[in-house]
């Protein structure tokens, strides 16, 4: 949950930095890429908070895997975009889709956890 909070905080700071500090310095396509990274970071900060809370209140262990995948995915996906925009280091390009795959895997784990939780709730109701 702490990492979700930190990712949210950083998303706001990095979004403001782009709006006020980078707007006149980098091309529009780079600014658009930066905004994509901020958007993905913020949405996954929120899902990390949700996942952490659910796990804290007795959710399945698979949520820990989902949280780890979300955490690494944000770092790889958004982090590589930030560095690509600021440093224009071409070798970082292949890291971005790996981060995306990690985010996708995190959502898959979350969906499986939801389905398993629903099944166990139905079993309890019988």
C-alpha atoms as a PDB file:
ATOM      1  CA  UNK A   1       0.000   0.000   0.000  1.00  0.00           C
ATOM      2  CA  UNK A   2       2.910   2.334   0.747  1.00  0.00           C
ATOM      3  CA  UNK A   3       4.294   1.834  -2.745  1.00  0.00           C
ATOM      4  CA  UNK A   4       0.863   2.652  -4.180  1.00  0.00           C
ATOM      5  CA  UNK A   5       0.867   5.882  -2.204  1.00  0.00           C
ATOM      6  CA  UNK A   6       4.397   6.729  -3.305  1.00  0.00           C
ATOM      7  CA  UNK A   7       3.596   5.974  -6.950  1.00  0.00           C
ATOM      8  CA  UNK A   8       0.538   8.236  -6.689  1.00  0.00           C
ATOM      9  CA  UNK A   9       2.568  11.035  -5.141  1.00  0.00           C
ATOM     10  CA  UNK A  10       5.238  10.726  -7.826  1.00  0.00           C
ATOM     11  CA  UNK A  11       2.633  10.637 -10.593  1.00  0.00           C
ATOM     12  CA  UNK A  12       1.243  13.991  -9.443  1.00  0.00           C
ATOM     13  CA  UNK A  13       4.739  15.479  -9.131  1.00  0.00           C
ATOM     14  CA  UNK A  14       5.864  14.157 -12.523  1.00  0.00           C
ATOM     15  CA  UNK A  15       2.649  15.316 -14.185  1.00  0.00           C
ATOM     16  CA  UNK A  16       3.125  18.802 -12.757  1.00  0.00           C
ATOM     17  CA  UNK A  17       6.781  18.765 -13.791  1.00  0.00           C
ATOM     18  CA  UNK A  18       5.781  18.004 -17.365  1.00  0.00           C
ATOM     19  CA  UNK A  19       3.041  20.639 -17.424  1.00  0.00           C
ATOM     20  CA  UNK A  20       5.218  23.391 -16.002  1.00  0.00           C
ATOM     21  CA  UNK A  21       8.816  22.399 -16.632  1.00  0.00           C
ATOM     22  CA  UNK A  22       8.888  20.313 -19.781  1.00  0.00           C
ATOM     23  CA  UNK A  23       6.070  21.851 -21.831  1.00  0.00           C
ATOM     24  CA  UNK A  24       8.360  24.302 -23.638  1.00  0.00           C
ATOM     25  CA  UNK A  25      11.451  22.082 -23.602  1.00  0.00           C
ATOM     26  CA  UNK A  26      10.467  18.797 -25.239  1.00  0.00           C
ATOM     27  CA  UNK A  27       8.490  18.056 -28.418  1.00  0.00           C
ATOM     28  CA  UNK A  28       4.732  17.384 -28.223  1.00  0.00           C
ATOM     29  CA  UNK A  29       5.130  13.663 -29.011  1.00  0.00           C
ATOM     30  CA  UNK A  30       7.552  13.296 -26.089  1.00  0.00           C
ATOM     31  CA  UNK A  31       5.172  15.221 -23.846  1.00  0.00           C
ATOM     32  CA  UNK A  32       2.386  12.872 -24.924  1.00  0.00           C
ATOM     33  CA  UNK A  33       4.556   9.847 -24.049  1.00  0.00           C
ATOM     34  CA  UNK A  34       5.316  11.393 -20.652  1.00  0.00           C
ATOM     35  CA  UNK A  35       1.589  11.888 -20.030  1.00  0.00           C
ATOM     36  CA  UNK A  36       0.939   8.239 -20.935  1.00  0.00           C
ATOM     37  CA  UNK A  37       3.533   7.183 -18.355  1.00  0.00           C
ATOM     38  CA  UNK A  38       1.950   9.427 -15.704  1.00  0.00           C
ATOM     39  CA  UNK A  39      -1.530   8.090 -16.466  1.00  0.00           C
ATOM     40  CA  UNK A  40      -0.432   4.461 -16.223  1.00  0.00           C
ATOM     41  CA  UNK A  41       1.519   5.173 -13.048  1.00  0.00           C
ATOM     42  CA  UNK A  42      -1.439   6.849 -11.356  1.00  0.00           C
ATOM     43  CA  UNK A  43      -3.964   4.193 -12.332  1.00  0.00           C
ATOM     44  CA  UNK A  44      -1.664   1.456 -11.085  1.00  0.00           C
ATOM     45  CA  UNK A  45      -0.936   3.383  -7.881  1.00  0.00           C
ATOM     46  CA  UNK A  46      -4.663   3.200  -7.206  1.00  0.00           C
ATOM     47  CA  UNK A  47      -4.893  -0.501  -8.031  1.00  0.00           C
ATOM     48  CA  UNK A  48      -1.893  -1.139  -5.748  1.00  0.00           C
ATOM     49  CA  UNK A  49      -3.783   0.558  -2.918  1.00  0.00           C
ATOM     50  CA  UNK A  50      -6.886  -1.528  -3.652  1.00  0.00           C
ATOM     51  CA  UNK A  51      -4.882  -4.749  -3.932  1.00  0.00           C
ATOM     52  CA  UNK A  52      -2.988  -4.014  -0.720  1.00  0.00           C
ATOM     53  CA  UNK A  53      -6.151  -3.228   1.210  1.00  0.00           C
ATOM     54  CA  UNK A  54      -7.910  -6.345  -0.003  1.00  0.00           C
ATOM     55  CA  UNK A  55      -4.879  -8.474   0.877  1.00  0.00           C
ATOM     56  CA  UNK A  56      -4.627  -6.774   4.287  1.00  0.00           C
ATOM     57  CA  UNK A  57      -8.251  -7.657   5.062  1.00  0.00           C
ATOM     58  CA  UNK A  58      -7.881 -11.322   4.219  1.00  0.00           C
ATOM     59  CA  UNK A  59      -7.757 -11.455   0.442  1.00  0.00           C
ATOM     60  CA  UNK A  60      -6.050 -14.354  -1.333  1.00  0.00           C
ATOM     61  CA  UNK A  61      -2.270 -14.654  -1.459  1.00  0.00           C
ATOM     62  CA  UNK A  62      -2.403 -14.238  -5.234  1.00  0.00           C
ATOM     63  CA  UNK A  63      -2.942 -10.540  -4.546  1.00  0.00           C
ATOM     64  CA  UNK A  64       0.664 -10.363  -3.359  1.00  0.00           C
ATOM     65  CA  UNK A  65       1.791 -11.625  -6.751  1.00  0.00           C
ATOM     66  CA  UNK A  66      -0.481  -9.119  -8.474  1.00  0.00           C
ATOM     67  CA  UNK A  67       0.934  -6.308  -6.352  1.00  0.00           C
ATOM     68  CA  UNK A  68       4.493  -7.299  -7.139  1.00  0.00           C
ATOM     69  CA  UNK A  69       3.695  -7.434 -10.874  1.00  0.00           C
ATOM     70  CA  UNK A  70       1.991  -4.027 -10.749  1.00  0.00           C
ATOM     71  CA  UNK A  71       4.951  -2.555  -8.858  1.00  0.00           C
ATOM     72  CA  UNK A  72       7.554  -3.888 -11.259  1.00  0.00           C
ATOM     73  CA  UNK A  73       5.380  -3.049 -14.246  1.00  0.00           C
ATOM     74  CA  UNK A  74       5.056   0.621 -13.265  1.00  0.00           C
ATOM     75  CA  UNK A  75       8.782   0.841 -12.662  1.00  0.00           C
ATOM     76  CA  UNK A  76       9.619  -0.719 -16.029  1.00  0.00           C
ATOM     77  CA  UNK A  77       6.814   0.814 -18.132  1.00  0.00           C
ATOM     78  CA  UNK A  78       6.522   4.349 -16.782  1.00  0.00           C
ATOM     79  CA  UNK A  79      10.111   4.546 -15.581  1.00  0.00           C
ATOM     80  CA  UNK A  80      11.516   3.618 -18.979  1.00  0.00           C
ATOM     81  CA  UNK A  81       9.296   6.202 -20.697  1.00  0.00           C
ATOM     82  CA  UNK A  82      10.432   8.938 -18.299  1.00  0.00           C
ATOM     83  CA  UNK A  83      14.058   8.066 -18.958  1.00  0.00           C
ATOM     84  CA  UNK A  84      13.511   7.793 -22.708  1.00  0.00           C
ATOM     85  CA  UNK A  85      11.984  11.273 -22.782  1.00  0.00           C
ATOM     86  CA  UNK A  86      14.631  12.866 -20.563  1.00  0.00           C
ATOM     87  CA  UNK A  87      17.744  11.031 -21.726  1.00  0.00           C
ATOM     88  CA  UNK A  88      16.731   9.672 -25.144  1.00  0.00           C
ATOM     89  CA  UNK A  89      18.603   6.431 -24.521  1.00  0.00           C
ATOM     90  CA  UNK A  90      17.472   4.011 -27.229  1.00  0.00           C
ATOM     91  CA  UNK A  91      18.344   0.825 -25.347  1.00  0.00           C
ATOM     92  CA  UNK A  92      15.563   1.568 -22.855  1.00  0.00           C
ATOM     93  CA  UNK A  93      12.910   1.130 -25.564  1.00  0.00           C
ATOM     94  CA  UNK A  94      12.545  -2.660 -25.188  1.00  0.00           C
ATOM     95  CA  UNK A  95      12.000  -2.318 -21.424  1.00  0.00           C
ATOM     96  CA  UNK A  96       8.703  -0.469 -21.896  1.00  0.00           C
ATOM     97  CA  UNK A  97       6.778  -3.428 -23.367  1.00  0.00           C
ATOM     98  CA  UNK A  98       8.196  -5.723 -20.676  1.00  0.00           C
ATOM     99  CA  UNK A  99       6.707  -3.363 -18.116  1.00  0.00           C
ATOM    100  CA  UNK A 100       3.422  -3.502 -20.015  1.00  0.00           C
ATOM    101  CA  UNK A 101       3.480  -7.299 -19.909  1.00  0.00           C
ATOM    102  CA  UNK A 102       4.060  -7.164 -16.166  1.00  0.00           C
ATOM    103  CA  UNK A 103       1.045  -4.854 -15.769  1.00  0.00           C
ATOM    104  CA  UNK A 104      -1.076  -7.210 -17.878  1.00  0.00           C
ATOM    105  CA  UNK A 105       0.047 -10.178 -15.768  1.00  0.00           C
ATOM    106  CA  UNK A 106      -0.836  -8.227 -12.616  1.00  0.00           C
ATOM    107  CA  UNK A 107      -4.360  -7.598 -13.913  1.00  0.00           C
ATOM    108  CA  UNK A 108      -4.675 -11.275 -14.821  1.00  0.00           C
ATOM    109  CA  UNK A 109      -3.690 -12.270 -11.272  1.00  0.00           C
ATOM    110  CA  UNK A 110      -6.179  -9.769  -9.873  1.00  0.00           C
ATOM    111  CA  UNK A 111      -8.949 -11.194 -12.067  1.00  0.00           C
ATOM    112  CA  UNK A 112      -8.118 -14.752 -11.003  1.00  0.00           C
ATOM    113  CA  UNK A 113      -8.140 -13.639  -7.353  1.00  0.00           C
ATOM    114  CA  UNK A 114     -11.574 -12.083  -7.882  1.00  0.00           C
ATOM    115  CA  UNK A 115     -12.922 -15.234  -9.505  1.00  0.00           C
ATOM    116  CA  UNK A 116     -11.487 -17.452  -6.766  1.00  0.00           C
ATOM    117  CA  UNK A 117     -12.874 -15.170  -4.095  1.00  0.00           C
ATOM    118  CA  UNK A 118     -16.296 -15.238  -5.750  1.00  0.00           C
ATOM    119  CA  UNK A 119     -16.197 -19.052  -5.930  1.00  0.00           C
ATOM    120  CA  UNK A 120     -15.245 -19.371  -2.263  1.00  0.00           C
ATOM    121  CA  UNK A 121     -18.002 -16.908  -1.294  1.00  0.00           C
ATOM    122  CA  UNK A 122     -20.536 -19.004  -3.199  1.00  0.00           C
ATOM    123  CA  UNK A 123     -19.277 -22.122  -1.421  1.00  0.00           C
ATOM    124  CA  UNK A 124     -19.747 -20.431   1.953  1.00  0.00           C
ATOM    125  CA  UNK A 125     -23.305 -19.394   1.031  1.00  0.00           C
ATOM    126  CA  UNK A 126     -24.347 -22.990   0.291  1.00  0.00           C
END
